[in-house]
């Protein structure tokens, strides 16, 4: 009987740890410009996450359809809401398709990354 209790306790602990790890990463919830959208030239990229992020260790790369990188400013979080990472775009974007490759380090130091595209009218 004692062996069964230990096994159940170990299984419960393993499930709890797995659940904790699944929720420990800053997951991307929303973007501006919206992923897949056609928009006027934006002045910034806004990434909203499920939890707070560290701007010193987070950021983005913006590439035009031809593969050239567009200059971006220093990432920062929205005042009063460290779940929103703001990356200024340094110059107006020409019409065309753009790709954003982002990475974020959450306040608990877990790293996530991804990509999305948008088109400028």
N, C-alpha and C. Protein backbone atom coordinates (compact mmCIF):
# COMPACT_ATOMS: atom_id res chain seq x y z
N UNK A 1 0.82 -1.19 0.00
CA UNK A 1 0.00 0.00 0.00
C UNK A 1 0.87 1.26 0.00
N UNK A 2 1.94 1.26 0.80
CA UNK A 2 2.82 2.43 0.87
C UNK A 2 3.46 2.72 -0.48
N UNK A 3 3.77 1.64 -1.23
CA UNK A 3 4.37 1.82 -2.55
C UNK A 3 3.39 2.53 -3.50
N UNK A 4 2.10 2.18 -3.42
CA UNK A 4 1.08 2.79 -4.27
C UNK A 4 0.94 4.27 -3.95
N UNK A 5 0.98 4.65 -2.67
CA UNK A 5 0.88 6.05 -2.28
C UNK A 5 2.08 6.83 -2.81
N UNK A 6 3.28 6.27 -2.71
CA UNK A 6 4.48 6.94 -3.21
C UNK A 6 4.39 7.12 -4.72
N UNK A 7 3.90 6.10 -5.42
CA UNK A 7 3.77 6.19 -6.87
C UNK A 7 2.77 7.27 -7.25
N UNK A 8 1.63 7.31 -6.56
CA UNK A 8 0.62 8.34 -6.84
C UNK A 8 1.17 9.73 -6.53
N UNK A 9 1.91 9.85 -5.42
CA UNK A 9 2.50 11.14 -5.06
C UNK A 9 3.51 11.58 -6.11
N UNK A 10 4.32 10.65 -6.57
CA UNK A 10 5.33 10.98 -7.59
C UNK A 10 4.66 11.38 -8.89
N UNK A 11 3.59 10.67 -9.26
CA UNK A 11 2.86 11.01 -10.48
C UNK A 11 2.21 12.38 -10.35
N UNK A 12 1.62 12.66 -9.22
CA UNK A 12 1.01 13.97 -8.99
C UNK A 12 2.03 15.09 -9.06
N UNK A 13 3.20 14.87 -8.47
CA UNK A 13 4.26 15.88 -8.51
C UNK A 13 4.74 16.10 -9.94
N UNK A 14 4.90 15.01 -10.70
CA UNK A 14 5.34 15.13 -12.10
C UNK A 14 4.32 15.92 -12.92
N UNK A 15 3.04 15.66 -12.73
CA UNK A 15 2.00 16.40 -13.45
C UNK A 15 1.98 17.86 -13.06
N UNK A 16 2.16 18.15 -11.78
CA UNK A 16 2.20 19.53 -11.31
C UNK A 16 3.38 20.28 -11.92
N UNK A 17 4.55 19.66 -11.94
CA UNK A 17 5.72 20.29 -12.54
C UNK A 17 5.53 20.51 -14.03
N UNK A 18 4.95 19.55 -14.73
CA UNK A 18 4.70 19.70 -16.16
C UNK A 18 3.74 20.85 -16.41
N UNK A 19 2.70 20.96 -15.60
CA UNK A 19 1.74 22.06 -15.76
C UNK A 19 2.40 23.40 -15.47
N UNK A 20 3.23 23.46 -14.45
CA UNK A 20 3.93 24.70 -14.11
C UNK A 20 4.85 25.12 -15.25
N UNK A 21 5.58 24.16 -15.83
CA UNK A 21 6.48 24.48 -16.93
C UNK A 21 5.71 24.95 -18.16
N UNK A 22 4.54 24.37 -18.40
CA UNK A 22 3.76 24.76 -19.57
C UNK A 22 3.30 26.21 -19.48
N UNK A 23 3.06 26.70 -18.27
CA UNK A 23 2.58 28.06 -18.10
C UNK A 23 3.71 29.04 -17.78
N UNK A 24 4.95 28.60 -17.80
CA UNK A 24 6.06 29.44 -17.37
C UNK A 24 6.69 30.24 -18.50
N UNK A 25 6.17 30.15 -19.70
CA UNK A 25 6.75 30.87 -20.82
C UNK A 25 5.81 32.00 -21.25
N UNK A 26 6.41 33.10 -21.68
CA UNK A 26 5.61 34.22 -22.20
C UNK A 26 5.14 33.86 -23.60
N UNK A 27 3.89 33.55 -23.76
CA UNK A 27 3.32 33.19 -25.05
C UNK A 27 2.78 34.43 -25.75
N UNK A 28 3.06 34.56 -27.02
CA UNK A 28 2.57 35.69 -27.81
C UNK A 28 1.05 35.58 -27.95
N UNK A 29 0.34 36.65 -27.59
CA UNK A 29 -1.11 36.65 -27.65
C UNK A 29 -1.67 37.58 -28.72
N UNK A 30 -0.93 38.64 -29.03
CA UNK A 30 -1.46 39.62 -29.99
C UNK A 30 -0.29 40.41 -30.58
N UNK A 31 -0.47 40.85 -31.82
CA UNK A 31 0.55 41.67 -32.46
C UNK A 31 -0.09 42.89 -33.11
N UNK A 32 0.67 43.96 -33.19
CA UNK A 32 0.29 45.14 -33.96
C UNK A 32 1.55 45.58 -34.70
N UNK A 33 1.53 45.57 -36.02
CA UNK A 33 0.41 45.25 -36.88
C UNK A 33 -0.04 43.80 -36.70
N UNK A 34 -1.32 43.54 -36.97
CA UNK A 34 -1.83 42.18 -36.83
C UNK A 34 -1.16 41.22 -37.83
N UNK A 35 -0.91 40.01 -37.38
CA UNK A 35 -0.32 38.99 -38.25
C UNK A 35 -1.21 38.77 -39.46
N UNK A 36 -0.61 38.81 -40.66
CA UNK A 36 -1.34 38.57 -41.89
C UNK A 36 -2.11 39.75 -42.45
N UNK A 37 -2.13 40.86 -41.73
CA UNK A 37 -2.94 42.02 -42.14
C UNK A 37 -2.20 42.89 -43.16
N UNK A 38 -2.97 43.70 -43.87
CA UNK A 38 -2.44 44.75 -44.74
C UNK A 38 -2.76 46.07 -44.05
N UNK A 39 -1.71 46.85 -43.79
CA UNK A 39 -1.85 48.04 -42.95
C UNK A 39 -1.11 49.23 -43.55
N UNK A 40 -1.45 50.46 -43.11
CA UNK A 40 -0.61 51.62 -43.45
C UNK A 40 0.76 51.43 -42.78
N UNK A 41 1.78 52.16 -43.21
CA UNK A 41 3.10 51.99 -42.61
C UNK A 41 3.06 52.20 -41.08
N UNK A 42 3.40 51.18 -40.30
CA UNK A 42 3.39 51.32 -38.84
C UNK A 42 4.65 52.03 -38.35
N UNK A 43 4.57 52.64 -37.19
CA UNK A 43 5.74 53.30 -36.59
C UNK A 43 6.40 52.42 -35.52
N UNK A 44 5.71 51.31 -35.18
CA UNK A 44 6.25 50.42 -34.16
C UNK A 44 5.64 49.04 -34.32
N UNK A 45 6.30 48.07 -33.70
CA UNK A 45 5.78 46.71 -33.59
C UNK A 45 5.43 46.52 -32.13
N UNK A 46 4.20 46.09 -31.86
CA UNK A 46 3.75 45.83 -30.49
C UNK A 46 3.44 44.35 -30.35
N UNK A 47 4.05 43.73 -29.36
CA UNK A 47 3.87 42.31 -29.10
C UNK A 47 3.29 42.15 -27.69
N UNK A 48 2.11 41.57 -27.59
CA UNK A 48 1.49 41.36 -26.28
C UNK A 48 1.66 39.90 -25.89
N UNK A 49 2.16 39.68 -24.67
CA UNK A 49 2.45 38.34 -24.18
C UNK A 49 1.55 37.96 -23.00
N UNK A 50 1.56 36.68 -22.68
CA UNK A 50 0.74 36.15 -21.59
C UNK A 50 1.31 36.51 -20.22
N UNK A 51 2.56 36.91 -20.18
CA UNK A 51 3.19 37.34 -18.93
C UNK A 51 4.25 38.38 -19.23
N UNK A 52 4.78 39.00 -18.20
CA UNK A 52 5.75 40.06 -18.38
C UNK A 52 7.03 39.59 -19.05
N UNK A 53 7.65 40.50 -19.81
CA UNK A 53 8.91 40.21 -20.49
C UNK A 53 9.98 41.22 -20.09
N UNK A 54 11.22 40.83 -20.28
CA UNK A 54 12.38 41.67 -20.00
C UNK A 54 12.84 42.34 -21.29
N UNK A 55 12.67 43.66 -21.43
CA UNK A 55 13.01 44.32 -22.70
C UNK A 55 14.50 44.25 -23.05
N UNK A 56 15.38 44.16 -22.06
CA UNK A 56 16.81 44.09 -22.35
C UNK A 56 17.20 42.78 -23.03
N UNK A 57 16.38 41.75 -22.87
CA UNK A 57 16.69 40.44 -23.43
C UNK A 57 15.68 40.00 -24.49
N UNK A 58 14.82 40.92 -24.91
CA UNK A 58 13.77 40.62 -25.88
C UNK A 58 13.91 41.57 -27.06
N UNK A 59 13.34 41.20 -28.20
CA UNK A 59 13.42 42.09 -29.35
C UNK A 59 12.86 41.47 -30.60
N UNK A 60 13.16 42.09 -31.73
CA UNK A 60 12.65 41.65 -33.02
C UNK A 60 13.61 42.04 -34.13
N UNK A 61 13.47 41.33 -35.23
CA UNK A 61 14.16 41.65 -36.48
C UNK A 61 13.06 41.81 -37.52
N UNK A 62 13.10 42.89 -38.27
CA UNK A 62 12.10 43.16 -39.30
C UNK A 62 12.78 43.07 -40.65
N UNK A 63 12.25 42.19 -41.53
CA UNK A 63 12.85 42.01 -42.85
C UNK A 63 11.82 42.28 -43.93
N UNK A 64 12.28 42.96 -44.98
CA UNK A 64 11.46 43.19 -46.17
C UNK A 64 11.43 41.91 -47.00
N UNK A 65 10.53 41.87 -47.97
CA UNK A 65 10.36 40.68 -48.81
C UNK A 65 11.67 40.25 -49.48
N UNK A 66 12.51 41.20 -49.83
CA UNK A 66 13.79 40.88 -50.47
C UNK A 66 14.85 40.37 -49.51
N UNK A 67 14.56 40.38 -48.22
CA UNK A 67 15.50 39.86 -47.24
C UNK A 67 16.31 40.92 -46.51
N UNK A 68 16.17 42.19 -46.90
CA UNK A 68 16.93 43.24 -46.21
C UNK A 68 16.29 43.56 -44.86
N UNK A 69 17.14 43.80 -43.88
CA UNK A 69 16.66 44.15 -42.54
C UNK A 69 16.33 45.62 -42.46
N UNK A 70 15.25 45.92 -41.79
CA UNK A 70 14.84 47.30 -41.55
C UNK A 70 15.36 47.74 -40.18
N UNK A 71 15.81 48.99 -40.05
CA UNK A 71 16.34 49.44 -38.76
C UNK A 71 15.22 49.60 -37.73
N UNK A 72 15.51 49.11 -36.53
CA UNK A 72 14.57 49.20 -35.42
C UNK A 72 15.22 49.89 -34.24
N UNK A 73 14.40 50.50 -33.40
CA UNK A 73 14.88 51.12 -32.18
C UNK A 73 14.98 50.10 -31.05
N UNK A 74 15.36 50.59 -29.90
CA UNK A 74 15.54 49.75 -28.72
C UNK A 74 14.19 49.29 -28.18
N UNK A 75 14.02 47.98 -27.95
CA UNK A 75 12.76 47.48 -27.39
C UNK A 75 12.51 48.04 -25.99
N UNK A 76 11.24 48.26 -25.68
CA UNK A 76 10.84 48.71 -24.35
C UNK A 76 9.48 48.09 -24.04
N UNK A 77 9.12 48.09 -22.78
CA UNK A 77 7.78 47.63 -22.43
C UNK A 77 6.88 48.83 -22.25
N UNK A 78 5.59 48.59 -22.42
CA UNK A 78 4.62 49.66 -22.24
C UNK A 78 4.63 50.07 -20.77
N UNK A 79 4.65 51.38 -20.49
CA UNK A 79 4.61 51.83 -19.10
C UNK A 79 3.40 51.25 -18.38
N UNK A 80 3.66 50.60 -17.26
CA UNK A 80 2.58 50.02 -16.46
C UNK A 80 2.11 48.65 -16.93
N UNK A 81 2.69 48.11 -18.01
CA UNK A 81 2.27 46.80 -18.50
C UNK A 81 3.46 46.10 -19.16
N UNK A 82 4.21 45.34 -18.39
CA UNK A 82 5.40 44.68 -18.94
C UNK A 82 5.06 43.44 -19.76
N UNK A 83 3.77 43.22 -20.05
CA UNK A 83 3.37 42.15 -20.96
C UNK A 83 3.38 42.62 -22.41
N UNK A 84 3.54 43.93 -22.63
CA UNK A 84 3.53 44.49 -23.99
C UNK A 84 4.93 45.01 -24.32
N UNK A 85 5.55 44.38 -25.31
CA UNK A 85 6.86 44.79 -25.79
C UNK A 85 6.66 45.69 -27.00
N UNK A 86 7.31 46.85 -27.00
CA UNK A 86 7.20 47.82 -28.09
C UNK A 86 8.57 47.95 -28.75
N UNK A 87 8.61 47.75 -30.07
CA UNK A 87 9.85 47.89 -30.83
C UNK A 87 9.62 48.99 -31.87
N UNK A 88 10.23 50.16 -31.68
CA UNK A 88 10.04 51.25 -32.64
C UNK A 88 10.65 50.91 -34.01
N UNK A 89 9.98 51.33 -35.07
CA UNK A 89 10.51 51.20 -36.43
C UNK A 89 11.17 52.53 -36.76
N UNK A 90 12.44 52.49 -37.12
CA UNK A 90 13.25 53.71 -37.24
C UNK A 90 12.94 54.59 -38.44
N UNK A 91 12.40 54.03 -39.51
CA UNK A 91 12.07 54.86 -40.69
C UNK A 91 10.79 54.32 -41.32
N UNK A 92 10.10 55.16 -42.08
CA UNK A 92 8.85 54.71 -42.71
C UNK A 92 9.09 53.50 -43.64
N UNK A 93 8.17 52.56 -43.58
CA UNK A 93 8.29 51.36 -44.41
C UNK A 93 7.64 51.59 -45.77
N UNK A 94 8.29 51.09 -46.80
CA UNK A 94 7.74 51.14 -48.15
C UNK A 94 6.67 50.07 -48.29
N UNK A 95 5.78 50.24 -49.28
CA UNK A 95 4.78 49.19 -49.51
C UNK A 95 5.46 47.84 -49.78
N UNK A 96 4.84 46.79 -49.29
CA UNK A 96 5.37 45.44 -49.50
C UNK A 96 5.13 44.55 -48.31
N UNK A 97 5.60 43.33 -48.42
CA UNK A 97 5.42 42.32 -47.36
C UNK A 97 6.64 42.32 -46.44
N UNK A 98 6.37 42.21 -45.14
CA UNK A 98 7.43 42.21 -44.13
C UNK A 98 7.28 41.00 -43.22
N UNK A 99 8.41 40.56 -42.72
CA UNK A 99 8.45 39.44 -41.78
C UNK A 99 9.07 39.91 -40.47
N UNK A 100 8.45 39.54 -39.37
CA UNK A 100 8.96 39.88 -38.04
C UNK A 100 9.40 38.59 -37.36
N UNK A 101 10.65 38.53 -36.97
CA UNK A 101 11.15 37.42 -36.15
C UNK A 101 11.38 38.01 -34.76
N UNK A 102 10.61 37.52 -33.79
CA UNK A 102 10.69 38.07 -32.44
C UNK A 102 11.23 37.02 -31.46
N UNK A 103 11.78 37.51 -30.38
CA UNK A 103 12.18 36.65 -29.26
C UNK A 103 11.87 37.40 -27.97
N UNK A 104 11.48 36.67 -26.97
CA UNK A 104 11.15 37.30 -25.69
C UNK A 104 11.66 36.44 -24.55
N UNK A 105 12.16 37.11 -23.53
CA UNK A 105 12.55 36.44 -22.30
C UNK A 105 11.59 36.94 -21.23
N UNK A 106 10.85 36.00 -20.65
CA UNK A 106 9.87 36.36 -19.63
C UNK A 106 10.57 36.77 -18.34
N UNK A 107 9.83 37.38 -17.45
CA UNK A 107 10.40 37.84 -16.19
C UNK A 107 10.94 36.69 -15.37
N UNK A 108 10.50 35.46 -15.64
CA UNK A 108 11.07 34.30 -14.94
C UNK A 108 12.16 33.62 -15.77
N UNK A 109 12.68 34.31 -16.78
CA UNK A 109 13.85 33.96 -17.60
C UNK A 109 13.62 32.89 -18.66
N UNK A 110 12.41 32.48 -18.95
CA UNK A 110 12.18 31.53 -20.03
C UNK A 110 12.11 32.28 -21.36
N UNK A 111 12.70 31.69 -22.40
CA UNK A 111 12.77 32.33 -23.72
C UNK A 111 11.76 31.68 -24.68
N UNK A 112 11.07 32.53 -25.44
CA UNK A 112 10.20 32.06 -26.52
C UNK A 112 10.53 32.88 -27.76
N UNK A 113 10.15 32.36 -28.90
CA UNK A 113 10.42 33.07 -30.15
C UNK A 113 9.41 32.64 -31.21
N UNK A 114 9.33 33.42 -32.27
CA UNK A 114 8.42 33.11 -33.34
C UNK A 114 8.52 34.11 -34.47
N UNK A 115 7.67 33.96 -35.45
CA UNK A 115 7.64 34.87 -36.59
C UNK A 115 6.19 35.15 -37.00
N UNK A 116 6.00 36.25 -37.66
CA UNK A 116 4.72 36.56 -38.31
C UNK A 116 5.00 37.55 -39.43
N UNK A 117 4.03 37.68 -40.34
CA UNK A 117 4.18 38.59 -41.47
C UNK A 117 3.02 39.58 -41.51
N UNK A 118 3.28 40.70 -42.15
CA UNK A 118 2.23 41.68 -42.46
C UNK A 118 2.64 42.37 -43.75
N UNK A 119 1.68 43.06 -44.34
CA UNK A 119 1.92 43.78 -45.59
C UNK A 119 1.61 45.25 -45.40
N UNK A 120 2.48 46.11 -45.94
CA UNK A 120 2.27 47.57 -45.90
C UNK A 120 1.64 47.98 -47.22
N UNK A 121 0.53 48.76 -47.14
CA UNK A 121 -0.17 49.23 -48.35
C UNK A 121 0.70 50.13 -49.18
